[in-house]
Amino acid sequence: MLEFHISRLARDHYQFDQSLFSFNGNVILANFHAARTFAQKINQQRDLVQFPEQAVKAGQINAMGLVDEILHLVLQLYRQQKSAQVMEAALAFLDEQFTPAEVDRALVRFTTDFPPVAVYQGQLGVEEYLGGATEGVPHRAVALEEMIMLWVANRNPALEPFIELFSEDNLATDTAFPRLLNGLYQFFEEQPPFGPDNQNLIDMLRSPAIAVPYSLSGQLEYIRERWSELLGKYLYRLLSSLDLIKEESRIVFAGGGPGPIPIPVYDRALYAGEVEAFSPDKEWMPRLVLMAKNSFVWLDQLSKKYQRPIQHLDQIPDEELETLAREGFTGLWLIGLWERSKASATIKQLCGNPDAIASAYSLADYRIADELGGEPAYQNLRERAWRYGIRLASDMVPNHMAIDSTWVINHPDWFVQLDY
């Protein structure tokens, strides 16, 4: 779940789906699809014909949200490891250094400009919200943390293309917001340092943008390298975010450039000695109605449905085959049927996902996977399925072989190779 603050003005202008917003007013992006939808909303309001450089990409939105969420994680870890009531203590410090009225004016203006869902929808007034709490955490402390995040975001040059979403200008002009944040820096100078470099917490929150000011992907790389011990589950998401940015940054060549495109002429004589070996058409083929099932996913679903372990193909209940036949299916295509590569699983785990399994397209061998019960379990399912008039199908793509596949090891001559 990625989240970051969005102003009331931006929400009104772009008409973002209200279901995207959390109770504190931050937008939440659950996955890449949500990031793409969010980017599309912005692009629809921009003149991309005249100003194509203003186009927003989902990878940028995703990275922006992930950076903000990781900074929230840093604050959460600080509370857990250093000072559980640090935000409440910071509020008390500001009340003493300035005046409660100045602090409240800034909190009210922030909550007005960046409203929680209940305030935005008119269910609560601003002061009513700030006087409340959620799970024992005062909303004034929540608002102060979000003000810190807003201040950090507005000083990140890589976020300049999105500044209209969370500009601090009105808050800085109409309240003591700049002086309050300077005061917070002094407050954290007196608090325990944090992070791998033992920094003032404000300095730590700003360090990715200071180290790599104009690149969100660079900031994610900085976080990966410097804060890896803090990230936990976020490491895999960080790597995925970097992959999305790289994918969107690839150069796409449309056409062959000026002049005619050369079309190679193939010499049919090269294939004169090859004999066609297609299987003959059968009368049942045009009438086949095929259901595709991801083998491992289906077995997991059946285990939950029947409340017992169903891990092998021969454990699939006859009731499921009967249901498929009753619904008119005459073929069952089992995806992910073959023995997968242990090397593939290891590589994915080393890249940051400790729970990863091998890709279904990185095979060790074209034989029924041992985890599915092997050939005996498959033959059992085949015989039972045929009683209901259901044929089994699977696909074979010969180049979907892993680096540790039996073909690579035992038959390297089957592969196109270069001298080096």
Protein backbone atom coordinates (compact mmCIF):
# COMPACT_ATOMS: atom_id res chain seq x y z
CA MET A 1 0.00 0.00 0.00
CA LEU A 2 1.57 3.28 -1.12
CA GLU A 3 0.38 6.58 0.32
CA PHE A 4 1.11 10.30 0.18
CA HIS A 5 -0.72 13.53 0.93
CA ILE A 6 -2.85 15.31 -1.69
CA SER A 7 -4.31 18.78 -1.27
CA ARG A 8 -8.01 19.56 -1.32
CA LEU A 9 -7.48 21.70 -4.44
CA ALA A 10 -5.83 18.83 -6.33
CA ARG A 11 -8.53 16.38 -5.25
CA ASP A 12 -11.22 18.75 -6.51
CA HIS A 13 -9.39 19.49 -9.76
CA TYR A 14 -8.52 15.94 -10.77
CA GLN A 15 -11.62 14.28 -9.28
CA PHE A 16 -9.68 11.37 -7.83
CA ASP A 17 -11.76 8.40 -6.68
CA GLN A 18 -12.52 8.99 -2.99
CA SER A 19 -11.97 5.29 -2.23
CA LEU A 20 -8.24 5.96 -2.78
CA PHE A 21 -7.97 8.08 0.38
CA SER A 22 -7.21 6.85 3.90
CA PHE A 23 -8.75 8.29 7.07
CA ASN A 24 -5.94 10.87 7.42
CA GLY A 25 -6.39 12.14 3.86
CA ASN A 26 -3.41 10.42 2.26
CA VAL A 27 -3.98 8.80 -1.10
CA ILE A 28 -3.43 5.03 -1.03
CA LEU A 29 -2.18 3.12 -4.07
CA ALA A 30 -2.49 -0.61 -3.48
CA ASN A 31 -0.67 -1.77 -6.62
CA PHE A 32 0.70 -0.78 -10.03
CA HIS A 33 -2.81 -0.72 -11.52
CA ALA A 34 -3.89 1.88 -8.95
CA ALA A 35 -0.79 3.96 -9.78
CA ARG A 36 -1.65 3.79 -13.50
CA THR A 37 -5.24 4.85 -12.83
CA PHE A 38 -4.02 7.75 -10.69
CA ALA A 39 -1.56 8.86 -13.39
CA GLN A 40 -4.29 8.62 -16.03
CA LYS A 41 -6.53 10.96 -14.01
CA ILE A 42 -3.76 13.58 -14.04
CA ASN A 43 -2.87 13.11 -17.70
CA GLN A 44 -6.51 13.52 -18.75
CA GLN A 45 -6.45 17.07 -17.36
CA ARG A 46 -3.16 18.06 -19.01
CA ASP A 47 -2.58 19.22 -22.58
CA LEU A 48 -0.20 16.47 -23.58
CA VAL A 49 -0.49 17.30 -27.28
CA GLN A 50 1.13 20.71 -26.76
CA PHE A 51 3.18 19.72 -23.71
CA PRO A 52 4.04 16.00 -23.93
CA GLU A 53 6.78 16.47 -21.35
CA GLN A 54 4.06 17.01 -18.73
CA ALA A 55 2.88 13.40 -19.00
CA VAL A 56 2.90 11.57 -15.68
CA LYS A 57 4.02 7.95 -15.59
CA ALA A 58 2.74 5.30 -13.23
CA GLY A 59 6.29 4.38 -12.25
CA GLN A 60 6.91 7.91 -10.99
CA ILE A 61 3.65 7.95 -9.02
CA ASN A 62 4.44 4.55 -7.57
CA ALA A 63 7.97 5.61 -6.60
CA MET A 64 6.74 8.86 -5.04
CA GLY A 65 4.24 6.98 -2.90
CA LEU A 66 6.80 4.36 -1.90
CA VAL A 67 9.37 6.97 -0.82
CA ASP A 68 6.72 8.67 1.32
CA GLU A 69 5.62 5.37 2.85
CA ILE A 70 9.21 4.39 3.67
CA LEU A 71 9.72 7.76 5.38
CA HIS A 72 6.61 7.02 7.44
CA LEU A 73 8.20 3.65 8.25
CA VAL A 74 11.29 5.46 9.54
CA LEU A 75 9.11 7.52 11.88
CA GLN A 76 7.28 4.39 13.01
CA LEU A 77 10.57 2.63 13.77
CA TYR A 78 11.79 5.71 15.63
CA ARG A 79 8.72 5.57 17.85
CA GLN A 80 9.20 1.86 18.44
CA GLN A 81 12.93 1.98 19.12
CA LYS A 82 13.61 5.45 20.52
CA SER A 83 10.56 7.37 21.76
CA ALA A 84 6.98 6.11 21.62
CA GLN A 85 5.48 9.56 22.32
CA VAL A 86 7.87 11.60 20.20
CA MET A 87 5.15 13.46 18.26
CA GLU A 88 3.27 14.36 21.42
CA ALA A 89 6.56 15.60 22.92
CA ALA A 90 7.25 17.60 19.76
CA LEU A 91 3.85 19.30 20.05
CA ALA A 92 4.55 20.22 23.68
CA PHE A 93 7.95 21.62 22.63
CA LEU A 94 6.37 23.76 19.90
CA ASP A 95 3.71 25.05 22.30
CA GLU A 96 6.50 26.23 24.62
CA GLN A 97 8.77 27.68 21.94
CA PHE A 98 5.99 29.52 20.12
CA THR A 99 2.40 29.79 21.31
CA PRO A 100 -0.36 27.18 21.36
CA ALA A 101 -2.39 29.52 19.15
CA GLU A 102 0.33 29.59 16.45
CA VAL A 103 0.70 25.82 16.54
CA ASP A 104 -3.07 25.28 16.38
CA ARG A 105 -3.43 27.77 13.51
CA ALA A 106 -0.89 25.79 11.47
CA LEU A 107 -2.54 22.46 12.31
CA VAL A 108 -5.98 23.82 11.41
CA ARG A 109 -4.76 25.25 8.11
CA PHE A 110 -2.91 22.02 7.26
CA THR A 111 -6.00 19.92 8.03
CA THR A 112 -8.12 22.31 5.95
CA ASP A 113 -5.77 22.17 2.95
CA PHE A 114 -4.98 18.44 3.30
CA PRO A 115 -8.18 17.10 4.85
CA PRO A 116 -8.81 13.62 6.20
CA VAL A 117 -11.69 11.80 4.51
CA ALA A 118 -14.20 12.67 7.25
CA VAL A 119 -13.31 16.37 7.03
CA TYR A 120 -13.27 16.41 3.22
CA GLN A 121 -16.71 14.81 3.11
CA GLY A 122 -18.09 17.21 5.74
CA GLN A 123 -18.69 14.53 8.37
CA LEU A 124 -16.39 16.30 10.86
CA GLY A 125 -15.24 19.86 11.28
CA VAL A 126 -11.51 20.58 11.27
CA GLU A 127 -11.29 21.43 14.97
CA GLU A 128 -13.54 18.50 15.87
CA TYR A 129 -11.19 16.17 14.01
CA LEU A 130 -8.06 17.65 15.62
CA GLY A 131 -9.63 17.19 19.05
CA GLY A 132 -10.08 13.45 18.50
CA ALA A 133 -7.85 10.40 18.40
CA THR A 134 -7.58 7.09 16.56
CA GLU A 135 -6.40 3.97 18.42
CA GLY A 136 -5.11 6.20 21.20
CA VAL A 137 -3.06 8.45 18.90
CA PRO A 138 -4.16 12.12 19.07
CA HIS A 139 -5.07 13.55 15.68
CA ARG A 140 -2.92 16.60 16.44
CA ALA A 141 0.09 14.25 16.54
CA VAL A 142 -1.04 12.60 13.29
CA ALA A 143 -1.36 16.01 11.63
CA LEU A 144 2.09 17.07 12.87
CA GLU A 145 3.69 13.96 11.37
CA GLU A 146 1.97 14.66 8.05
CA MET A 147 3.16 18.28 8.20
CA ILE A 148 6.73 17.00 8.53
CA MET A 149 6.19 14.74 5.50
CA LEU A 150 4.76 17.67 3.54
CA TRP A 151 7.77 19.85 4.40
CA VAL A 152 10.17 17.07 3.35
CA ALA A 153 8.30 16.47 0.07
CA ASN A 154 8.31 20.16 -0.85
CA ARG A 155 12.11 20.17 -0.55
CA ASN A 156 12.62 17.18 -2.80
CA PRO A 157 13.61 18.38 -6.31
CA ALA A 158 12.59 15.04 -7.84
CA LEU A 159 8.98 15.76 -6.83
CA GLU A 160 8.85 19.14 -8.58
CA PRO A 161 6.72 17.76 -11.49
CA PHE A 162 4.03 16.84 -8.95
CA ILE A 163 4.23 19.87 -6.65
CA GLU A 164 0.70 21.00 -7.53
CA LEU A 165 -0.56 17.92 -5.69
CA PHE A 166 0.96 18.92 -2.35
CA SER A 167 2.25 22.50 -2.48
CA GLU A 168 2.88 24.05 0.94
CA ASP A 169 2.65 27.64 -0.38
CA ASN A 170 -0.62 28.66 1.29
CA LEU A 171 0.33 26.97 4.55
CA ALA A 172 3.74 28.67 4.57
CA THR A 173 2.30 32.09 3.71
CA ASP A 174 -0.62 32.14 6.14
CA THR A 175 0.82 30.40 9.21
CA ALA A 176 4.02 29.95 11.21
CA PHE A 177 4.64 26.67 9.35
CA PRO A 178 8.26 27.49 8.28
CA ARG A 179 9.25 28.60 11.78
CA LEU A 180 7.54 25.58 13.34
CA LEU A 181 9.55 23.22 11.16
CA ASN A 182 12.76 25.03 12.06
CA GLY A 183 11.74 24.57 15.68
CA LEU A 184 11.14 20.87 15.08
CA TYR A 185 14.68 20.53 13.75
CA GLN A 186 15.98 21.96 17.03
CA PHE A 187 13.68 19.61 18.94
CA PHE A 188 15.13 16.56 17.19
CA GLU A 189 18.65 17.85 17.83
CA GLU A 190 17.90 17.12 21.48
CA GLN A 191 16.40 13.69 20.76
CA PRO A 192 18.27 10.39 20.17
CA PRO A 193 19.74 10.18 16.65
CA PHE A 194 18.56 7.45 14.31
CA GLY A 195 19.47 5.36 11.29
CA PRO A 196 22.72 3.90 9.96
CA ASP A 197 24.42 7.30 10.16
CA ASN A 198 23.03 8.31 13.58
CA GLN A 199 21.38 11.44 12.23
CA ASN A 200 18.93 14.00 13.47
CA LEU A 201 15.61 12.42 12.41
CA ILE A 202 14.78 15.36 10.10
CA ASP A 203 18.18 15.01 8.40
CA MET A 204 17.58 11.30 7.93
CA LEU A 205 14.18 11.89 6.32
CA ARG A 206 15.77 14.38 3.91
CA SER A 207 18.91 12.37 3.15
CA PRO A 208 17.64 10.48 0.03
CA ALA A 209 16.64 13.76 -1.67
CA ILE A 210 19.92 15.41 -0.67
CA ALA A 211 22.00 12.49 -1.92
CA VAL A 212 20.15 12.10 -5.27
CA PRO A 213 18.09 15.28 -5.67
CA TYR A 214 16.67 14.88 -9.18
CA SER A 215 15.90 11.17 -9.46
CA LEU A 216 13.22 9.14 -7.69
CA SER A 217 14.83 5.91 -8.85
CA GLY A 218 18.15 7.19 -7.51
CA GLN A 219 16.52 7.93 -4.17
CA LEU A 220 15.09 4.42 -4.03
CA GLU A 221 18.55 3.03 -4.81
CA TYR A 222 19.99 5.17 -2.00
CA ILE A 223 17.36 3.82 0.40
CA ARG A 224 18.08 0.26 -0.72
CA GLU A 225 21.81 0.66 -0.18
CA ARG A 226 21.77 2.74 3.01
CA TRP A 227 18.63 1.59 4.83
CA SER A 228 18.38 -2.06 3.82
CA GLU A 229 18.35 -3.29 7.42
CA LEU A 230 15.29 -1.15 8.15
CA LEU A 231 13.22 -2.06 5.11
CA GLY A 232 11.98 -5.59 5.82
CA LYS A 233 9.07 -6.36 3.47
CA TYR A 234 9.55 -3.03 1.71
CA LEU A 235 12.73 -4.24 0.00
CA TYR A 236 10.83 -6.42 -2.48
CA ARG A 237 8.38 -3.61 -3.24
CA LEU A 238 11.29 -1.21 -3.72
CA LEU A 239 12.89 -3.54 -6.28
CA SER A 240 9.55 -3.91 -8.07
CA SER A 241 9.16 -0.12 -8.18
CA LEU A 242 12.62 0.24 -9.73
CA ASP A 243 11.69 -2.39 -12.32
CA LEU A 244 8.54 -0.47 -13.26
CA ILE A 245 10.52 2.76 -13.71
CA LYS A 246 13.08 0.97 -15.90
CA GLU A 247 10.32 -0.61 -17.97
CA GLU A 248 8.70 2.77 -18.61
CA SER A 249 12.06 4.35 -19.45
CA ARG A 250 12.92 1.96 -22.25
CA ILE A 251 13.35 3.54 -25.66
CA VAL A 252 10.66 2.36 -28.07
CA PHE A 253 11.45 2.57 -31.76
CA ALA A 254 8.37 3.06 -33.91
CA GLY A 255 9.17 1.89 -37.42
CA GLY A 256 12.40 1.69 -39.32
CA GLY A 257 13.14 5.38 -39.73
CA PRO A 258 13.31 7.26 -43.05
CA GLY A 259 13.42 5.33 -46.29
CA PRO A 260 12.15 1.87 -47.16
CA ILE A 261 12.37 -0.86 -44.57
CA PRO A 262 14.52 -3.75 -45.81
CA ILE A 263 12.61 -7.02 -45.88
CA PRO A 264 14.80 -10.13 -45.88
CA VAL A 265 14.21 -12.71 -48.60
CA TYR A 266 14.08 -16.25 -47.27
CA ASP A 267 15.44 -19.10 -49.34
CA ARG A 268 12.77 -21.81 -49.29
CA ALA A 269 15.37 -24.31 -50.47
CA LEU A 270 16.82 -24.24 -46.95
CA TYR A 271 13.70 -26.02 -45.71
CA ALA A 272 13.17 -28.39 -48.63
CA GLY A 273 14.34 -31.38 -46.64
CA GLU A 274 12.01 -30.81 -43.72
CA VAL A 275 8.87 -32.89 -43.57
CA GLU A 276 5.67 -31.44 -42.16
CA ALA A 277 4.67 -33.38 -39.07
CA PHE A 278 1.41 -31.82 -37.94
CA SER A 279 -1.01 -34.01 -36.06
CA PRO A 280 -4.11 -34.77 -38.13
CA ASP A 281 -7.29 -32.84 -37.40
CA LYS A 282 -9.82 -34.78 -35.34
CA GLU A 283 -13.58 -34.43 -35.34
CA TRP A 284 -13.64 -33.33 -31.66
CA MET A 285 -11.22 -30.43 -32.10
CA PRO A 286 -13.64 -27.76 -33.42
CA ARG A 287 -16.07 -28.53 -30.59
CA LEU A 288 -13.54 -28.36 -27.75
CA VAL A 289 -14.52 -26.00 -24.91
CA LEU A 290 -11.38 -25.41 -22.86
CA MET A 291 -11.03 -24.30 -19.24
CA ALA A 292 -7.56 -23.06 -18.19
CA LYS A 293 -6.40 -23.59 -14.61
CA ASN A 294 -3.13 -22.52 -12.98
CA SER A 295 -2.27 -25.85 -11.37
CA PHE A 296 -0.82 -24.63 -8.06
CA VAL A 297 -3.38 -21.84 -7.64
CA TRP A 298 -6.26 -24.23 -8.34
CA LEU A 299 -4.99 -26.77 -5.81
CA ASP A 300 -4.69 -24.03 -3.19
CA GLN A 301 -8.24 -22.87 -3.92
CA LEU A 302 -9.54 -26.43 -3.66
CA SER A 303 -7.71 -26.95 -0.36
CA LYS A 304 -9.52 -23.94 1.09
CA LYS A 305 -12.85 -24.96 -0.42
CA TYR A 306 -12.77 -28.53 0.90
CA GLN A 307 -10.93 -27.71 4.14
CA ARG A 308 -8.24 -30.34 3.59
CA PRO A 309 -4.82 -30.48 1.90
CA ILE A 310 -5.16 -30.94 -1.87
CA GLN A 311 -1.61 -30.79 -3.17
CA HIS A 312 -1.41 -33.43 -5.92
CA LEU A 313 -3.36 -33.80 -9.14
CA ASP A 314 -4.77 -37.16 -8.05
CA GLN A 315 -6.35 -35.46 -5.03
CA ILE A 316 -8.60 -33.21 -7.14
CA PRO A 317 -12.16 -34.24 -6.19
CA ASP A 318 -14.40 -35.86 -8.78
CA GLU A 319 -17.00 -33.24 -7.85
CA GLU A 320 -14.86 -30.59 -9.55
CA LEU A 321 -14.59 -32.62 -12.74
CA GLU A 322 -18.33 -33.26 -12.69
CA THR A 323 -18.97 -29.52 -12.29
CA LEU A 324 -16.73 -28.69 -15.26
CA ALA A 325 -18.54 -31.25 -17.42
CA ARG A 326 -21.96 -29.99 -16.31
CA GLU A 327 -20.96 -26.44 -17.28
CA GLY A 328 -20.10 -27.62 -20.78
CA PHE A 329 -16.30 -27.85 -20.65
CA THR A 330 -14.72 -30.68 -22.60
CA GLY A 331 -11.07 -29.76 -22.05
CA LEU A 332 -8.94 -28.82 -19.03
CA TRP A 333 -5.72 -26.91 -19.71
CA LEU A 334 -3.33 -27.20 -16.77
CA ILE A 335 -0.86 -24.31 -16.61
CA GLY A 336 2.40 -24.61 -14.68
CA LEU A 337 2.43 -28.38 -14.96
CA TRP A 338 6.13 -28.97 -15.54
CA GLU A 339 9.05 -29.35 -13.12
CA ARG A 340 10.39 -25.89 -12.30
CA SER A 341 13.94 -24.70 -11.81
CA LYS A 342 15.48 -24.50 -8.34
CA ALA A 343 17.95 -21.94 -9.71
CA SER A 344 15.06 -19.68 -10.77
CA ALA A 345 13.60 -19.74 -7.26
CA THR A 346 17.00 -19.01 -5.71
CA ILE A 347 17.63 -16.05 -8.03
CA LYS A 348 14.23 -14.50 -7.24
CA GLN A 349 14.80 -14.98 -3.52
CA LEU A 350 18.25 -13.37 -3.71
CA CYS A 351 16.62 -10.40 -5.47
CA GLY A 352 14.60 -9.63 -2.37
CA ASN A 353 11.54 -11.90 -2.25
CA PRO A 354 12.27 -14.68 0.26
CA ASP A 355 8.93 -16.39 -0.44
CA ALA A 356 9.34 -16.49 -4.23
CA ILE A 357 8.93 -19.72 -6.16
CA ALA A 358 10.38 -20.50 -9.56
CA SER A 359 8.80 -19.03 -12.65
CA ALA A 360 6.46 -21.32 -14.58
CA TYR A 361 8.49 -20.34 -17.65
CA SER A 362 11.85 -21.34 -16.19
CA LEU A 363 11.76 -25.12 -16.31
CA ALA A 364 14.12 -27.78 -15.05
CA ASP A 365 12.53 -30.50 -17.17
CA TYR A 366 9.47 -31.27 -19.25
CA ARG A 367 8.02 -33.78 -16.81
CA ILE A 368 5.09 -33.48 -14.44
CA ALA A 369 6.24 -31.55 -11.37
CA ASP A 370 7.05 -33.64 -8.32
CA GLU A 371 5.11 -31.17 -6.17
CA LEU A 372 2.00 -32.00 -8.19
CA GLY A 373 2.47 -35.73 -7.65
CA GLY A 374 4.47 -36.50 -10.77
CA GLU A 375 3.38 -38.68 -13.69
CA PRO A 376 1.28 -41.15 -11.62
CA ALA A 377 -0.88 -38.34 -10.22
CA TYR A 378 -1.32 -36.87 -13.70
CA GLN A 379 -2.38 -40.22 -15.18
CA ASN A 380 -4.87 -40.66 -12.36
CA LEU A 381 -6.44 -37.28 -13.09
CA ARG A 382 -6.41 -37.99 -16.83
CA GLU A 383 -8.34 -41.24 -16.42
CA ARG A 384 -10.91 -39.72 -14.06
CA ALA A 385 -11.39 -36.63 -16.23
CA TRP A 386 -12.07 -38.79 -19.29
CA ARG A 387 -14.97 -40.45 -17.47
CA TYR A 388 -16.64 -37.04 -17.64
CA GLY A 389 -15.67 -36.48 -21.27
CA ILE A 390 -12.87 -34.05 -20.38
CA ARG A 391 -9.52 -34.12 -22.18
CA LEU A 392 -6.39 -32.76 -20.49
CA ALA A 393 -4.18 -30.22 -22.26
CA SER A 394 -0.85 -28.58 -21.54
CA ASP A 395 1.52 -26.35 -23.45
CA MET A 396 5.17 -26.77 -24.36
CA VAL A 397 7.48 -23.89 -25.27
CA PRO A 398 10.94 -25.39 -25.84
CA ASN A 399 12.89 -22.19 -25.12
CA HIS A 400 11.38 -21.89 -21.63
CA MET A 401 14.33 -23.70 -20.11
CA ALA A 402 16.25 -22.66 -16.99
CA ILE A 403 20.00 -22.36 -16.67
CA ASP A 404 20.00 -25.58 -14.63
CA SER A 405 17.60 -27.52 -16.87
CA THR A 406 18.36 -31.08 -17.91
CA TRP A 407 18.36 -29.97 -21.54
CA VAL A 408 21.04 -27.33 -20.95
CA ILE A 409 23.16 -29.76 -18.94
CA ASN A 410 22.72 -32.93 -21.00
CA HIS A 411 22.08 -31.50 -24.47
CA PRO A 412 23.89 -28.17 -24.84
CA ASP A 413 24.12 -28.89 -28.58
CA TRP A 414 20.36 -28.31 -28.85
CA PHE A 415 20.85 -24.58 -28.16
CA VAL A 416 22.13 -21.78 -30.37
CA GLN A 417 25.46 -20.71 -28.87
CA LEU A 418 28.12 -18.08 -29.43
CA ASP A 419 31.85 -18.75 -29.27
CA TYR A 420 32.29 -16.38 -26.34
